[in-house]
Amino acid sequence: MAWTVETLSEAVDDEIATLPPKVQAKLLWIMGQIEARGLPALRPPHIDHLGGGLYELRAKGQEGVGRALFVTRGERVVIVHAFQKKTQKTPARNLRLAEQRAKEAT
């Protein structure tokens, strides 16, 4: 079975759409790499484990840095939250929202 990447909801699609264009492009490239090569083939700086079952995709473009937080379900990557990162540490409210949404991912 091949790896797939999906978003949890339209809200997540909207969050991705608000990212700057070059950050979006980088995020889509990383998502394509997951589908082409599988999640285990990607390493930092593109992917990092945040704890529990939560991971992040890291997309850096000229306009800034974007993050897409995700969980895995088998060989599916489910993106549960996306945002533009403006501080060194991932804000707690973003982590809480992602953890809350992760419970909805089946």
N, C-alpha and C. Protein backbone atom coordinates (compact mmCIF):
# COMPACT_ATOMS: atom_id res chain seq x y z
N MET A 1 0.84 -1.18 0.00
CA MET A 1 0.00 0.00 0.00
C MET A 1 0.88 1.24 0.00
N ALA A 2 0.49 2.24 -0.75
CA ALA A 2 1.27 3.48 -0.86
C ALA A 2 0.81 4.49 0.19
N TRP A 3 1.72 5.35 0.58
CA TRP A 3 1.39 6.42 1.52
C TRP A 3 0.49 7.44 0.84
N THR A 4 -0.47 7.98 1.60
CA THR A 4 -1.33 9.06 1.11
C THR A 4 -1.30 10.20 2.11
N VAL A 5 -1.57 11.40 1.61
CA VAL A 5 -1.63 12.59 2.45
C VAL A 5 -3.00 13.23 2.23
N GLU A 6 -3.67 13.55 3.32
CA GLU A 6 -4.98 14.19 3.23
C GLU A 6 -5.11 15.21 4.35
N THR A 7 -6.07 16.11 4.19
CA THR A 7 -6.36 17.07 5.24
C THR A 7 -7.60 16.60 5.99
N LEU A 8 -7.70 16.99 7.24
CA LEU A 8 -8.81 16.56 8.08
C LEU A 8 -10.13 17.18 7.64
N SER A 9 -10.09 18.47 7.23
CA SER A 9 -11.34 19.18 6.95
C SER A 9 -11.08 20.38 6.05
N GLU A 10 -12.18 21.04 5.67
CA GLU A 10 -12.06 22.27 4.88
C GLU A 10 -11.36 23.35 5.68
N ALA A 11 -11.52 23.34 6.99
CA ALA A 11 -10.84 24.33 7.84
C ALA A 11 -9.32 24.23 7.65
N VAL A 12 -8.81 23.02 7.56
CA VAL A 12 -7.37 22.82 7.36
C VAL A 12 -6.99 23.26 5.94
N ASP A 13 -7.83 22.96 4.95
CA ASP A 13 -7.58 23.43 3.58
C ASP A 13 -7.48 24.95 3.57
N ASP A 14 -8.37 25.62 4.30
CA ASP A 14 -8.36 27.09 4.37
C ASP A 14 -7.08 27.59 5.05
N GLU A 15 -6.64 26.89 6.09
CA GLU A 15 -5.41 27.29 6.77
C GLU A 15 -4.22 27.20 5.82
N ILE A 16 -4.17 26.15 5.03
CA ILE A 16 -3.08 25.99 4.06
C ILE A 16 -3.16 27.09 3.01
N ALA A 17 -4.37 27.42 2.58
CA ALA A 17 -4.56 28.45 1.55
C ALA A 17 -4.13 29.83 2.02
N THR A 18 -4.11 30.07 3.34
CA THR A 18 -3.70 31.38 3.84
C THR A 18 -2.18 31.52 3.96
N LEU A 19 -1.45 30.43 3.81
CA LEU A 19 0.01 30.50 3.86
C LEU A 19 0.53 31.24 2.63
N PRO A 20 1.68 31.91 2.75
CA PRO A 20 2.27 32.58 1.58
C PRO A 20 2.52 31.58 0.45
N PRO A 21 2.44 32.03 -0.81
CA PRO A 21 2.54 31.13 -1.96
C PRO A 21 3.77 30.22 -1.97
N LYS A 22 4.94 30.74 -1.67
CA LYS A 22 6.15 29.90 -1.72
C LYS A 22 6.20 28.91 -0.57
N VAL A 23 5.61 29.26 0.54
CA VAL A 23 5.52 28.33 1.67
C VAL A 23 4.53 27.22 1.31
N GLN A 24 3.41 27.59 0.69
CA GLN A 24 2.44 26.59 0.22
C GLN A 24 3.11 25.63 -0.75
N ALA A 25 3.86 26.19 -1.69
CA ALA A 25 4.53 25.35 -2.71
C ALA A 25 5.48 24.36 -2.06
N LYS A 26 6.25 24.80 -1.08
CA LYS A 26 7.18 23.91 -0.39
C LYS A 26 6.42 22.83 0.38
N LEU A 27 5.33 23.22 1.03
CA LEU A 27 4.51 22.26 1.77
C LEU A 27 3.94 21.20 0.82
N LEU A 28 3.45 21.63 -0.33
CA LEU A 28 2.91 20.68 -1.31
C LEU A 28 4.01 19.76 -1.84
N TRP A 29 5.21 20.29 -2.00
CA TRP A 29 6.34 19.47 -2.44
C TRP A 29 6.63 18.37 -1.41
N ILE A 30 6.66 18.75 -0.13
CA ILE A 30 6.93 17.77 0.93
C ILE A 30 5.82 16.71 0.95
N MET A 31 4.58 17.14 0.79
CA MET A 31 3.46 16.20 0.76
C MET A 31 3.62 15.23 -0.41
N GLY A 32 4.05 15.74 -1.55
CA GLY A 32 4.29 14.89 -2.71
C GLY A 32 5.40 13.89 -2.46
N GLN A 33 6.44 14.31 -1.74
CA GLN A 33 7.54 13.40 -1.41
C GLN A 33 7.06 12.26 -0.50
N ILE A 34 6.16 12.58 0.41
CA ILE A 34 5.61 11.52 1.28
C ILE A 34 4.88 10.50 0.44
N GLU A 35 4.05 10.98 -0.50
CA GLU A 35 3.29 10.05 -1.34
C GLU A 35 4.19 9.27 -2.29
N ALA A 36 5.27 9.88 -2.76
CA ALA A 36 6.16 9.21 -3.71
C ALA A 36 7.13 8.24 -3.03
N ARG A 37 7.68 8.64 -1.88
CA ARG A 37 8.75 7.87 -1.24
C ARG A 37 8.36 7.23 0.08
N GLY A 38 7.25 7.67 0.66
CA GLY A 38 6.83 7.16 1.97
C GLY A 38 7.33 8.05 3.09
N LEU A 39 6.58 8.12 4.15
CA LEU A 39 6.93 8.97 5.29
C LEU A 39 8.28 8.60 5.91
N PRO A 40 8.62 7.31 6.06
CA PRO A 40 9.90 6.98 6.68
C PRO A 40 11.12 7.51 5.92
N ALA A 41 10.96 7.83 4.64
CA ALA A 41 12.09 8.31 3.83
C ALA A 41 12.42 9.77 4.12
N LEU A 42 11.51 10.51 4.72
CA LEU A 42 11.76 11.92 5.01
C LEU A 42 12.30 12.10 6.41
N ARG A 43 13.18 13.03 6.56
CA ARG A 43 13.86 13.31 7.83
C ARG A 43 13.85 14.82 8.08
N PRO A 44 14.29 15.23 9.27
CA PRO A 44 14.48 16.66 9.50
C PRO A 44 15.44 17.22 8.45
N PRO A 45 15.28 18.40 7.95
CA PRO A 45 14.44 19.48 8.50
C PRO A 45 13.00 19.47 8.00
N HIS A 46 12.61 18.52 7.16
CA HIS A 46 11.26 18.54 6.59
C HIS A 46 10.20 18.02 7.55
N ILE A 47 10.55 17.11 8.42
CA ILE A 47 9.59 16.48 9.33
C ILE A 47 10.20 16.39 10.72
N ASP A 48 9.36 16.58 11.74
CA ASP A 48 9.82 16.42 13.11
C ASP A 48 8.69 15.83 13.95
N HIS A 49 9.05 15.04 14.95
CA HIS A 49 8.08 14.45 15.87
C HIS A 49 7.92 15.40 17.05
N LEU A 50 6.69 15.79 17.35
CA LEU A 50 6.43 16.74 18.43
C LEU A 50 6.09 16.08 19.75
N GLY A 51 5.81 14.79 19.71
CA GLY A 51 5.43 14.08 20.93
C GLY A 51 4.09 13.41 20.76
N GLY A 52 3.89 12.34 21.49
CA GLY A 52 2.65 11.58 21.32
C GLY A 52 2.57 11.11 19.88
N GLY A 53 1.44 11.28 19.27
CA GLY A 53 1.28 10.90 17.88
C GLY A 53 1.33 12.07 16.93
N LEU A 54 1.78 13.24 17.39
CA LEU A 54 1.76 14.46 16.60
C LEU A 54 3.12 14.74 15.98
N TYR A 55 3.09 15.06 14.68
CA TYR A 55 4.29 15.39 13.92
C TYR A 55 4.08 16.71 13.21
N GLU A 56 5.17 17.28 12.67
CA GLU A 56 5.01 18.50 11.88
C GLU A 56 5.79 18.40 10.58
N LEU A 57 5.19 18.98 9.53
CA LEU A 57 5.88 19.22 8.27
C LEU A 57 6.41 20.64 8.36
N ARG A 58 7.64 20.84 7.97
CA ARG A 58 8.26 22.17 8.04
C ARG A 58 8.50 22.68 6.63
N ALA A 59 7.86 23.80 6.31
CA ALA A 59 8.00 24.39 4.98
C ALA A 59 8.55 25.80 5.13
N LYS A 60 9.69 26.05 4.48
CA LYS A 60 10.33 27.36 4.57
C LYS A 60 10.38 27.97 3.18
N GLY A 61 9.91 29.20 3.08
CA GLY A 61 9.95 29.93 1.82
C GLY A 61 10.48 31.33 2.06
N GLN A 62 10.60 32.11 0.98
CA GLN A 62 11.11 33.47 1.12
C GLN A 62 10.22 34.33 2.02
N GLU A 63 8.92 34.01 2.05
CA GLU A 63 7.98 34.82 2.81
C GLU A 63 7.84 34.39 4.26
N GLY A 64 8.54 33.35 4.67
CA GLY A 64 8.44 32.92 6.05
C GLY A 64 8.48 31.41 6.19
N VAL A 65 7.99 30.96 7.33
CA VAL A 65 8.02 29.54 7.67
C VAL A 65 6.60 29.07 7.96
N GLY A 66 6.23 27.94 7.39
CA GLY A 66 4.91 27.37 7.64
C GLY A 66 5.05 26.01 8.28
N ARG A 67 4.04 25.64 9.02
CA ARG A 67 4.00 24.32 9.65
C ARG A 67 2.66 23.68 9.36
N ALA A 68 2.69 22.39 9.13
CA ALA A 68 1.47 21.60 9.01
C ALA A 68 1.60 20.45 10.01
N LEU A 69 0.75 20.44 11.00
CA LEU A 69 0.80 19.41 12.03
C LEU A 69 -0.07 18.24 11.60
N PHE A 70 0.43 17.02 11.82
CA PHE A 70 -0.29 15.86 11.32
C PHE A 70 -0.16 14.66 12.25
N VAL A 71 -1.05 13.71 12.01
CA VAL A 71 -1.01 12.40 12.67
C VAL A 71 -0.99 11.35 11.57
N THR A 72 -0.60 10.15 11.93
CA THR A 72 -0.63 9.05 10.95
C THR A 72 -1.70 8.06 11.36
N ARG A 73 -2.32 7.51 10.35
CA ARG A 73 -3.31 6.44 10.53
C ARG A 73 -2.95 5.37 9.51
N GLY A 74 -2.22 4.36 9.96
CA GLY A 74 -1.70 3.38 9.02
C GLY A 74 -0.69 4.07 8.12
N GLU A 75 -0.87 3.96 6.82
CA GLU A 75 0.02 4.64 5.87
C GLU A 75 -0.66 5.88 5.31
N ARG A 76 -1.46 6.53 6.15
CA ARG A 76 -2.09 7.80 5.79
C ARG A 76 -1.54 8.89 6.70
N VAL A 77 -1.22 10.02 6.10
CA VAL A 77 -0.85 11.22 6.84
C VAL A 77 -2.08 12.11 6.81
N VAL A 78 -2.57 12.48 7.99
CA VAL A 78 -3.75 13.35 8.09
C VAL A 78 -3.31 14.68 8.70
N ILE A 79 -3.35 15.72 7.88
CA ILE A 79 -2.96 17.05 8.35
C ILE A 79 -4.13 17.63 9.14
N VAL A 80 -3.86 18.01 10.39
CA VAL A 80 -4.93 18.47 11.27
C VAL A 80 -4.88 19.98 11.54
N HIS A 81 -3.76 20.63 11.23
CA HIS A 81 -3.65 22.08 11.46
C HIS A 81 -2.46 22.61 10.67
N ALA A 82 -2.62 23.80 10.10
CA ALA A 82 -1.51 24.46 9.38
C ALA A 82 -1.49 25.93 9.79
N PHE A 83 -0.29 26.49 9.89
CA PHE A 83 -0.16 27.89 10.30
C PHE A 83 1.20 28.42 9.89
N GLN A 84 1.31 29.75 9.88
CA GLN A 84 2.60 30.38 9.62
C GLN A 84 3.28 30.60 10.96
N LYS A 85 4.49 30.11 11.06
CA LYS A 85 5.24 30.17 12.32
C LYS A 85 6.01 31.48 12.38
N LYS A 86 5.87 32.18 13.51
CA LYS A 86 6.53 33.47 13.66
C LYS A 86 7.47 33.53 14.86
N THR A 87 7.49 32.46 15.65
CA THR A 87 8.37 32.42 16.82
C THR A 87 9.21 31.15 16.77
N GLN A 88 10.24 31.09 17.60
CA GLN A 88 11.13 29.93 17.62
C GLN A 88 10.38 28.66 18.05
N LYS A 89 9.56 28.79 19.07
CA LYS A 89 8.83 27.64 19.61
C LYS A 89 7.41 27.61 19.05
N THR A 90 6.90 26.41 18.80
CA THR A 90 5.53 26.27 18.32
C THR A 90 4.58 26.73 19.42
N PRO A 91 3.71 27.70 19.12
CA PRO A 91 2.79 28.22 20.14
C PRO A 91 1.90 27.11 20.73
N ALA A 92 1.68 27.18 22.03
CA ALA A 92 0.88 26.17 22.74
C ALA A 92 -0.54 26.08 22.18
N ARG A 93 -1.12 27.22 21.78
CA ARG A 93 -2.49 27.18 21.26
C ARG A 93 -2.57 26.38 19.97
N ASN A 94 -1.52 26.46 19.14
CA ASN A 94 -1.49 25.67 17.91
C ASN A 94 -1.38 24.18 18.22
N LEU A 95 -0.58 23.85 19.21
CA LEU A 95 -0.45 22.44 19.61
C LEU A 95 -1.75 21.90 20.18
N ARG A 96 -2.41 22.71 21.02
CA ARG A 96 -3.69 22.27 21.60
C ARG A 96 -4.74 22.04 20.52
N LEU A 97 -4.82 22.96 19.57
CA LEU A 97 -5.80 22.81 18.48
C LEU A 97 -5.51 21.55 17.68
N ALA A 98 -4.24 21.32 17.37
CA ALA A 98 -3.86 20.12 16.60
C ALA A 98 -4.19 18.85 17.38
N GLU A 99 -3.91 18.83 18.67
CA GLU A 99 -4.21 17.65 19.49
C GLU A 99 -5.71 17.39 19.55
N GLN A 100 -6.48 18.47 19.65
CA GLN A 100 -7.94 18.35 19.68
C GLN A 100 -8.45 17.78 18.36
N ARG A 101 -7.96 18.32 17.26
CA ARG A 101 -8.39 17.85 15.94
C ARG A 101 -7.90 16.43 15.66
N ALA A 102 -6.74 16.08 16.20
CA ALA A 102 -6.19 14.73 15.96
C ALA A 102 -7.14 13.66 16.47
N LYS A 103 -7.89 13.97 17.50
CA LYS A 103 -8.86 13.01 18.04
C LYS A 103 -9.98 12.72 17.04
N GLU A 104 -10.23 13.67 16.11
CA GLU A 104 -11.27 13.50 15.10
C GLU A 104 -10.79 12.65 13.92
N ALA A 105 -9.49 12.55 13.75
CA ALA A 105 -8.93 11.82 12.60
C ALA A 105 -9.11 10.32 12.81
N THR A 106 -9.73 9.67 11.85
CA THR A 106 -9.95 8.22 11.97
C THR A 106 -9.23 7.47 10.88
